């Protein structure tokens, strides 16, 4: 069993489905399904990693409120120790309204809340000093942590001899490379989707896009491509990994499930194809259920899914 420290956003997700139109101002639209889930990249990736058999340390920030208690209690139920989570009175817990249409595609309305106050100083050495990987997720959604604070933390992690990984999110501010460039040389693993990575690199061609990040010294780049699968590249190898054909119910957390599966493959030293196939399977299983983590099974169940769909 390996140990992964997940650092990043913790969010209370209110999911509504199916939402094919918004109400006119002052009006009401009825929908058949609405559920409250724990989300955010750190939670989603960490919970799936735990399901896949890895030890997880969760690090993040929540408000001193009911949603914060909901997140912490949910993590405990998953068998994850929340000791790395700071409770603040300054902000409310981060929350997202997730609008899911009939095809499972999502739109979001997000309140950064406590996530915006996470700082390098909140993260104690004991949270990562004996971990195999430190994985930061939610980049661009943590304005107080993105940039210099992330750079400072990654320097500490590298000094401790721990592998570093990051998974990007959408940058609503449009800063992209300006935010992330200072710490790209401190990363071993870079995970992103095609749109976000292209916004950062400015390169449309998938190979040129991945090479942009490798040129900073990153060891391995994984680009999530949704229904097209994924693209993985190192200095010596590149491969397009085909997707699994499944009926999507809710795409929430699929990218985070992919990241968890990818890190498991990396830790097990699988080849790029096997790693990508396992990661794609985690993402495919995720979209078949409501919520960010409910659809993904344990390690054996994911392996069975891969075999049945090969």
Protein backbone atom coordinates (compact mmCIF):
# COMPACT_ATOMS: atom_id res chain seq x y z
CA UNK A 1 0.00 0.00 0.00
CA UNK A 2 1.38 3.37 -1.04
CA UNK A 3 0.61 6.69 0.64
CA UNK A 4 -0.68 9.75 -1.21
CA UNK A 5 -1.22 13.20 0.26
CA UNK A 6 -4.07 14.97 -1.53
CA UNK A 7 -3.99 18.75 -1.21
CA UNK A 8 -6.62 21.04 -2.64
CA UNK A 9 -10.24 21.99 -2.80
CA UNK A 10 -12.96 20.47 -0.62
CA UNK A 11 -16.48 21.31 -1.75
CA UNK A 12 -20.09 20.57 -0.92
CA UNK A 13 -21.73 19.73 -4.27
CA UNK A 14 -25.47 20.20 -4.76
CA UNK A 15 -26.30 18.21 -7.91
CA UNK A 16 -29.50 18.68 -9.86
CA UNK A 17 -30.52 16.43 -12.77
CA UNK A 18 -31.65 16.66 -15.50
CA UNK A 19 -31.51 20.42 -16.04
CA UNK A 20 -32.11 21.31 -19.67
CA UNK A 21 -33.33 24.86 -19.13
CA UNK A 22 -32.98 27.53 -16.47
CA UNK A 23 -36.03 29.29 -15.01
CA UNK A 24 -36.99 32.72 -16.20
CA UNK A 25 -36.32 35.45 -13.67
CA UNK A 26 -38.71 35.03 -10.74
CA UNK A 27 -39.97 31.66 -12.03
CA UNK A 28 -39.52 28.02 -10.96
CA UNK A 29 -38.37 24.91 -12.82
CA UNK A 30 -39.06 21.47 -11.34
CA UNK A 31 -36.48 18.67 -11.65
CA UNK A 32 -36.78 15.01 -10.55
CA UNK A 33 -33.45 14.62 -8.77
CA UNK A 34 -31.33 16.75 -6.42
CA UNK A 35 -28.62 15.40 -4.11
CA UNK A 36 -25.93 16.73 -1.77
CA UNK A 37 -22.48 15.18 -2.18
CA UNK A 38 -18.94 15.90 -1.05
CA UNK A 39 -16.81 17.02 -3.96
CA UNK A 40 -13.76 19.02 -4.87
CA UNK A 41 -10.63 17.59 -6.45
CA UNK A 42 -8.86 16.66 -3.21
CA UNK A 43 -11.88 14.81 -1.86
CA UNK A 44 -12.75 13.10 -5.14
CA UNK A 45 -9.23 11.94 -5.92
CA UNK A 46 -8.54 10.94 -2.33
CA UNK A 47 -11.73 8.91 -1.91
CA UNK A 48 -11.11 7.00 -5.16
CA UNK A 49 -7.48 6.37 -4.16
CA UNK A 50 -8.74 4.97 -0.86
CA UNK A 51 -11.20 2.70 -2.71
CA UNK A 52 -8.32 1.48 -4.87
CA UNK A 53 -6.39 0.42 -1.79
CA UNK A 54 -4.00 3.31 -1.15
CA UNK A 55 -3.47 5.19 2.10
CA UNK A 56 -4.61 8.80 1.87
CA UNK A 57 -3.83 11.96 3.82
CA UNK A 58 -6.35 14.72 3.10
CA UNK A 59 -5.26 18.36 3.32
CA UNK A 60 -7.55 21.32 2.77
CA UNK A 61 -9.72 23.93 4.43
CA UNK A 62 -13.41 24.15 5.35
CA UNK A 63 -15.57 26.66 7.19
CA UNK A 64 -16.90 26.24 10.72
CA UNK A 65 -20.38 25.36 9.50
CA UNK A 66 -22.73 22.50 8.67
CA UNK A 67 -21.26 21.88 5.23
CA UNK A 68 -17.76 21.68 6.72
CA UNK A 69 -18.98 19.09 9.24
CA UNK A 70 -20.65 17.22 6.39
CA UNK A 71 -17.35 17.01 4.48
CA UNK A 72 -15.29 15.92 7.50
CA UNK A 73 -17.82 13.28 8.57
CA UNK A 74 -18.01 11.97 5.00
CA UNK A 75 -14.23 11.54 4.87
CA UNK A 76 -14.25 9.66 8.18
CA UNK A 77 -16.90 7.30 6.78
CA UNK A 78 -14.57 6.63 3.84
CA UNK A 79 -11.78 5.71 6.27
CA UNK A 80 -9.76 8.86 5.58
CA UNK A 81 -8.20 10.73 8.52
CA UNK A 82 -9.17 14.44 8.24
CA UNK A 83 -6.32 15.66 10.48
CA UNK A 84 -4.90 17.70 7.58
CA UNK A 85 -8.09 19.74 7.24
CA UNK A 86 -8.06 23.20 8.78
CA UNK A 87 -11.33 24.73 10.01
CA UNK A 88 -11.59 28.49 9.54
CA UNK A 89 -14.09 31.03 10.88
CA UNK A 90 -13.08 33.54 8.19
CA UNK A 91 -14.93 31.86 5.30
CA UNK A 92 -17.83 29.50 4.78
CA UNK A 93 -17.22 26.05 3.31
CA UNK A 94 -16.80 26.04 -0.45
CA UNK A 95 -19.92 24.99 -2.36
CA UNK A 96 -20.89 24.28 -5.96
CA UNK A 97 -24.22 24.02 -7.72
CA UNK A 98 -23.79 21.33 -10.37
CA UNK A 99 -26.31 21.48 -13.21
CA UNK A 100 -26.41 18.13 -15.02
CA UNK A 101 -28.21 17.76 -18.36
CA UNK A 102 -29.72 14.60 -19.87
CA UNK A 103 -26.40 13.64 -21.48
CA UNK A 104 -24.58 13.84 -18.13
CA UNK A 105 -22.71 17.01 -19.12
CA UNK A 106 -22.28 19.51 -16.31
CA UNK A 107 -22.25 23.25 -15.75
CA UNK A 108 -21.15 24.80 -12.47
CA UNK A 109 -21.82 27.77 -10.22
CA UNK A 110 -19.03 27.87 -7.64
CA UNK A 111 -18.29 29.73 -4.41
CA UNK A 112 -14.58 29.48 -3.50
CA UNK A 113 -15.26 29.91 0.22
CA UNK A 114 -12.65 28.47 2.58
CA UNK A 115 -10.58 27.07 -0.30
CA UNK A 116 -9.38 30.58 -1.13
CA UNK A 117 -7.71 30.89 2.28
CA UNK A 118 -5.52 27.76 2.11
CA UNK A 119 -1.84 28.66 2.59
CA UNK A 120 1.52 26.91 2.59
CA UNK A 121 1.74 27.51 6.36
CA UNK A 122 -1.42 25.43 6.89
CA UNK A 123 0.35 22.33 5.59
CA UNK A 124 2.57 20.68 8.16
CA UNK A 125 5.56 18.53 7.20
CA UNK A 126 3.97 15.55 8.94
CA UNK A 127 1.19 15.58 6.34
CA UNK A 128 3.59 14.56 3.55
CA UNK A 129 7.08 13.65 4.81
CA UNK A 130 6.51 9.89 4.52
CA UNK A 131 4.17 9.96 1.51
CA UNK A 132 5.01 8.47 -1.88
CA UNK A 133 3.22 11.24 -3.79
CA UNK A 134 1.92 14.71 -2.97
CA UNK A 135 -0.94 15.43 -5.35
CA UNK A 136 -2.26 18.99 -5.64
CA UNK A 137 -5.66 19.36 -7.25
CA UNK A 138 -7.90 22.35 -7.77
CA UNK A 139 -5.20 24.59 -9.21
CA UNK A 140 -6.70 27.92 -10.34
CA UNK A 141 -9.55 27.60 -7.82
CA UNK A 142 -7.46 28.45 -4.74
CA UNK A 143 -6.48 32.11 -5.19
CA UNK A 144 -4.68 32.28 -1.86
CA UNK A 145 -2.67 29.12 -2.56
CA UNK A 146 -2.06 29.28 -6.32
CA UNK A 147 1.24 30.79 -7.41
CA UNK A 148 3.89 31.62 -4.78
CA UNK A 149 2.25 29.58 -1.99
CA UNK A 150 2.12 26.45 -4.15
CA UNK A 151 5.71 27.06 -5.25
CA UNK A 152 6.85 27.30 -1.62
CA UNK A 153 5.07 24.07 -0.70
CA UNK A 154 6.43 22.13 -3.70
CA UNK A 155 9.96 23.19 -2.79
CA UNK A 156 9.42 21.69 0.68
CA UNK A 157 7.99 18.50 -0.81
CA UNK A 158 10.90 18.11 -3.25
CA UNK A 159 13.39 18.66 -0.42
CA UNK A 160 11.65 15.80 1.42
CA UNK A 161 12.26 13.55 -1.60
CA UNK A 162 8.55 13.04 -2.34
CA UNK A 163 7.14 12.75 -5.88
CA UNK A 164 5.01 15.76 -6.88
CA UNK A 165 1.83 15.73 -8.96
CA UNK A 166 -0.76 18.28 -10.02
CA UNK A 167 -4.18 18.22 -11.68
CA UNK A 168 -5.44 21.52 -13.09
CA UNK A 169 -8.93 23.01 -13.08
CA UNK A 170 -10.52 25.74 -15.19
CA UNK A 171 -9.04 29.22 -14.66
CA UNK A 172 -11.93 31.66 -14.70
CA UNK A 173 -9.47 34.56 -14.23
CA UNK A 174 -7.71 33.72 -17.52
CA UNK A 175 -4.23 33.92 -15.97
CA UNK A 176 -3.27 30.31 -16.82
CA UNK A 177 0.51 30.16 -17.45
CA UNK A 178 1.19 33.28 -15.37
CA UNK A 179 -0.06 31.40 -12.29
CA UNK A 180 1.41 27.97 -12.89
CA UNK A 181 4.74 28.58 -14.64
CA UNK A 182 6.84 29.26 -11.49
CA UNK A 183 6.23 25.74 -10.17
CA UNK A 184 6.13 23.68 -13.37
CA UNK A 185 9.86 22.81 -12.89
CA UNK A 186 9.00 21.41 -9.44
CA UNK A 187 6.51 18.85 -10.80
CA UNK A 188 7.11 15.18 -11.61
CA UNK A 189 3.58 14.43 -12.87
CA UNK A 190 1.32 16.83 -14.75
CA UNK A 191 -2.36 15.91 -15.26
CA UNK A 192 -4.82 18.14 -17.09
CA UNK A 193 -7.55 17.99 -19.70
CA UNK A 194 -7.05 19.00 -23.30
CA UNK A 195 -8.77 22.38 -23.05
CA UNK A 196 -7.03 23.48 -19.86
CA UNK A 197 -3.58 22.28 -20.92
CA UNK A 198 -3.96 24.01 -24.30
CA UNK A 199 -4.90 27.26 -22.55
CA UNK A 200 -1.71 26.99 -20.51
CA UNK A 201 0.67 25.99 -23.30
CA UNK A 202 -0.90 27.84 -26.19
CA UNK A 203 -0.33 24.76 -28.38
CA UNK A 204 -3.21 23.04 -30.18
CA UNK A 205 -1.36 19.92 -31.35
CA UNK A 206 -1.59 17.30 -28.61
CA UNK A 207 2.07 16.21 -28.92
CA UNK A 208 3.35 19.79 -28.92
CA UNK A 209 1.03 20.52 -26.02
CA UNK A 210 2.45 17.69 -23.88
CA UNK A 211 6.02 18.49 -24.92
CA UNK A 212 5.56 22.04 -23.64
CA UNK A 213 5.27 20.68 -20.10
CA UNK A 214 7.98 18.03 -20.50
CA UNK A 215 10.39 20.81 -21.47
CA UNK A 216 10.07 22.15 -17.92
CA UNK A 217 11.55 18.88 -16.62
CA UNK A 218 8.26 17.15 -15.81
CA UNK A 219 8.64 13.35 -16.04
CA UNK A 220 5.19 12.38 -17.32
CA UNK A 221 2.22 14.26 -18.78
CA UNK A 222 -1.32 12.87 -18.89
CA UNK A 223 -3.96 14.71 -20.91
CA UNK A 224 -7.61 13.76 -20.30
CA UNK A 225 -9.63 13.81 -23.53
CA UNK A 226 -13.09 12.67 -22.42
CA UNK A 227 -14.82 10.58 -25.07
CA UNK A 228 -11.53 10.39 -27.02
CA UNK A 229 -9.67 8.67 -24.16
CA UNK A 230 -6.38 10.05 -22.91
CA UNK A 231 -2.91 10.96 -24.16
CA UNK A 232 0.18 10.16 -22.10
CA UNK A 233 3.71 11.27 -22.90
CA UNK A 234 7.21 11.08 -21.43
CA UNK A 235 10.54 12.11 -22.94
CA UNK A 236 10.85 8.65 -24.51
CA UNK A 237 7.32 7.51 -25.22
CA UNK A 238 3.88 8.77 -26.21
CA UNK A 239 0.59 6.91 -26.47
CA UNK A 240 -3.09 7.56 -27.15
CA UNK A 241 -5.19 5.38 -24.85
CA UNK A 242 -8.70 4.60 -26.18
CA UNK A 243 -11.82 5.33 -24.11
CA UNK A 244 -14.45 2.97 -22.74
CA UNK A 245 -17.91 3.28 -24.28
CA UNK A 246 -20.43 3.75 -21.46
CA UNK A 247 -23.68 5.64 -20.91
CA UNK A 248 -22.96 8.77 -18.89
CA UNK A 249 -25.33 9.70 -16.08
CA UNK A 250 -23.21 12.38 -14.38
CA UNK A 251 -19.71 13.47 -15.38
CA UNK A 252 -18.92 15.04 -11.99
CA UNK A 253 -15.56 13.81 -10.68
CA UNK A 254 -14.61 11.81 -13.78
CA UNK A 255 -11.38 13.73 -14.23
CA UNK A 256 -10.49 13.27 -10.56
CA UNK A 257 -11.22 9.53 -10.81
CA UNK A 258 -8.92 9.40 -13.83
CA UNK A 259 -6.19 11.12 -11.82
CA UNK A 260 -6.57 8.63 -8.96
CA UNK A 261 -6.36 5.68 -11.35
CA UNK A 262 -3.36 7.22 -13.07
CA UNK A 263 -1.49 7.68 -9.79
CA UNK A 264 -2.21 4.04 -8.86
CA UNK A 265 -0.74 2.87 -12.17
CA UNK A 266 2.28 5.12 -11.66
CA UNK A 267 2.84 3.78 -8.15
CA UNK A 268 2.61 0.20 -9.41
CA UNK A 269 5.15 1.04 -12.16
CA UNK A 270 2.84 -0.13 -14.94
CA UNK A 271 3.60 0.81 -18.53
CA UNK A 272 1.91 3.87 -20.03
CA UNK A 273 -0.86 1.95 -21.79
CA UNK A 274 -1.81 -0.12 -18.74
CA UNK A 275 -1.73 2.98 -16.55
CA UNK A 276 -3.86 4.98 -18.98
CA UNK A 277 -6.32 2.14 -19.48
CA UNK A 278 -6.83 1.78 -15.72
CA UNK A 279 -7.22 5.56 -15.35
CA UNK A 280 -9.73 5.68 -18.21
CA UNK A 281 -11.68 2.87 -16.56
CA UNK A 282 -11.93 4.81 -13.30
CA UNK A 283 -13.29 7.80 -15.19
CA UNK A 284 -15.74 5.65 -17.16
CA UNK A 285 -17.07 3.96 -14.04
CA UNK A 286 -17.46 7.34 -12.35
CA UNK A 287 -19.80 8.80 -14.98
CA UNK A 288 -22.26 5.92 -14.64
CA UNK A 289 -23.55 7.10 -11.25
CA UNK A 290 -24.63 10.37 -9.64
CA UNK A 291 -21.95 12.03 -7.53
CA UNK A 292 -18.22 12.37 -7.87
CA UNK A 293 -17.07 9.03 -6.42
CA UNK A 294 -19.99 6.63 -6.04
CA UNK A 295 -19.57 4.94 -9.41
CA UNK A 296 -15.95 3.85 -8.95
CA UNK A 297 -15.42 0.44 -7.37
CA UNK A 298 -12.45 -1.05 -5.55
CA UNK A 299 -9.24 -2.14 -7.27
CA UNK A 300 -10.51 -5.60 -8.24
CA UNK A 301 -13.76 -4.17 -9.58
CA UNK A 302 -11.91 -1.68 -11.77
CA UNK A 303 -9.66 -4.46 -13.07
CA UNK A 304 -12.77 -6.55 -13.85
CA UNK A 305 -14.24 -3.57 -15.71
CA UNK A 306 -11.08 -3.28 -17.81
CA UNK A 307 -11.11 -6.99 -18.67
CA UNK A 308 -14.81 -7.03 -19.56
CA UNK A 309 -14.43 -4.05 -21.86
CA UNK A 310 -11.20 -5.14 -23.55
